[in-house]
Amino acid sequence: EEEEDGEEEARFMAPPVSGLPELRRRRRELRSRMELLIMETQAEVCRALAELDPGAAFAVDTWERKEGGGGISCVLQDGEVFEKAGVNVSVVFGLLSEEAARQMRSRGKSLRAKDGKLPFCAMGVSSVIHPKNPHVPTMHFNYRYFEIEEADGTKQWWFGGGTDLTPTYLNEEDAVHFHKTLKEACDKHDLKLYPKFKKWCDDYFYIEHRGERRGIGGIFFDDMDSPSKEEVFQFVKSCAKAVVPCYIPIVKKHCRDSFTPEEKLWQQLRRGRYVEFNLVYDRGTKFGLLTPGSRIESILMSLPLTARWEYMHTPPKSSKEAEILEVLRNPKDWVH
């Protein structure tokens, strides 16, 4: 057993929050399988990124939440290829704050609390990768599982997640590769999923005050609790396994591209939009900030190291900069 534990742990960036013996004991439970999946995804993505940026190393931070649970944050900063790349795992449990429960009720979840208390368990892997080169897009993904115990002991559960791409400049070939890879992962389970979740992604990452999307999308879904726990878990697993193949080839292709100071400036302005979305609209950020004892550093890990806000900046018509704005205002179908 112990030897087996050692081998298993060597696969991960750090020991799992719930501990391997506990996960092994409850290995038939979905909660345990999901925790192992997010640990594996974290390690897979970190290894793939580290291979492309050999001079840089991931700082691995494990943290505990006194209210229950904890997490593992892996962050690479100031590399040759990546300005900031973070891949976080968190497994938290305890009682849902009134504010967080209110947010969920507003999403149509009828939750019956016992003496105003709702025991919950939330776990997920989330990542944001901000490359140095403006020709390499920023990428974000997140896959999570949520469980709530109501007053009468019944459990409500659901999965959420998605993977999306935010390029500084549009490269059609990359956009097609990214969307096709995600579509293949969805199509294995149900042909209706990709079109539905692609649209959801375009609608979710919308910066209302700018009238533009945060990027060229991908897939996004939330509150997914059917057809069955097992089927949704297998779908989430396919999506998590698609992260490396949908993104790493794009990084490899462009990380040595030459770029001008003007292109770097445009990247900084696009990053500003990224920050605006994350701080104003992103539900994950809001939920994190409303959860007592959550770790602020991990929640704000998605923010770039550098960004800019210039007053009244408008790119010249028919420039490369104007081309990406057009797609952000009017999302395209990349796979048909």
Foldseek 3Di string as FASTA:
>chain_A
DVVVLVVLQVLFPGAFQVGDVVLVVVVVDPVSVVSSLLRNLLSVVQVLVCVVFVVWAWDWDWDQFPQFWTWIKTWTDDTLWFNIKIKIKTKGWHWADPVLVVVVVVVVDDAAADVSTKTKIKIKIKMWTHTQDLQAWIKIKMKMKMWIQGPVRDIQIKIWMWIFTAHLFDDLVLLLLLQVLLQVLQVVQPNVQSVVQQVVQLVQQADVVVLFGLHLGHGTDIRHCDDHPVSVVSSSSSNSVSVCVSHSVSSVVPSPPDDDPVSSQSSQASLVSVVSCLVPRDPQLVSQVSGPRHDNCVSCSNRGPGHDDDPPDDDDPPDSSVVRRVCRNPHDDSHD
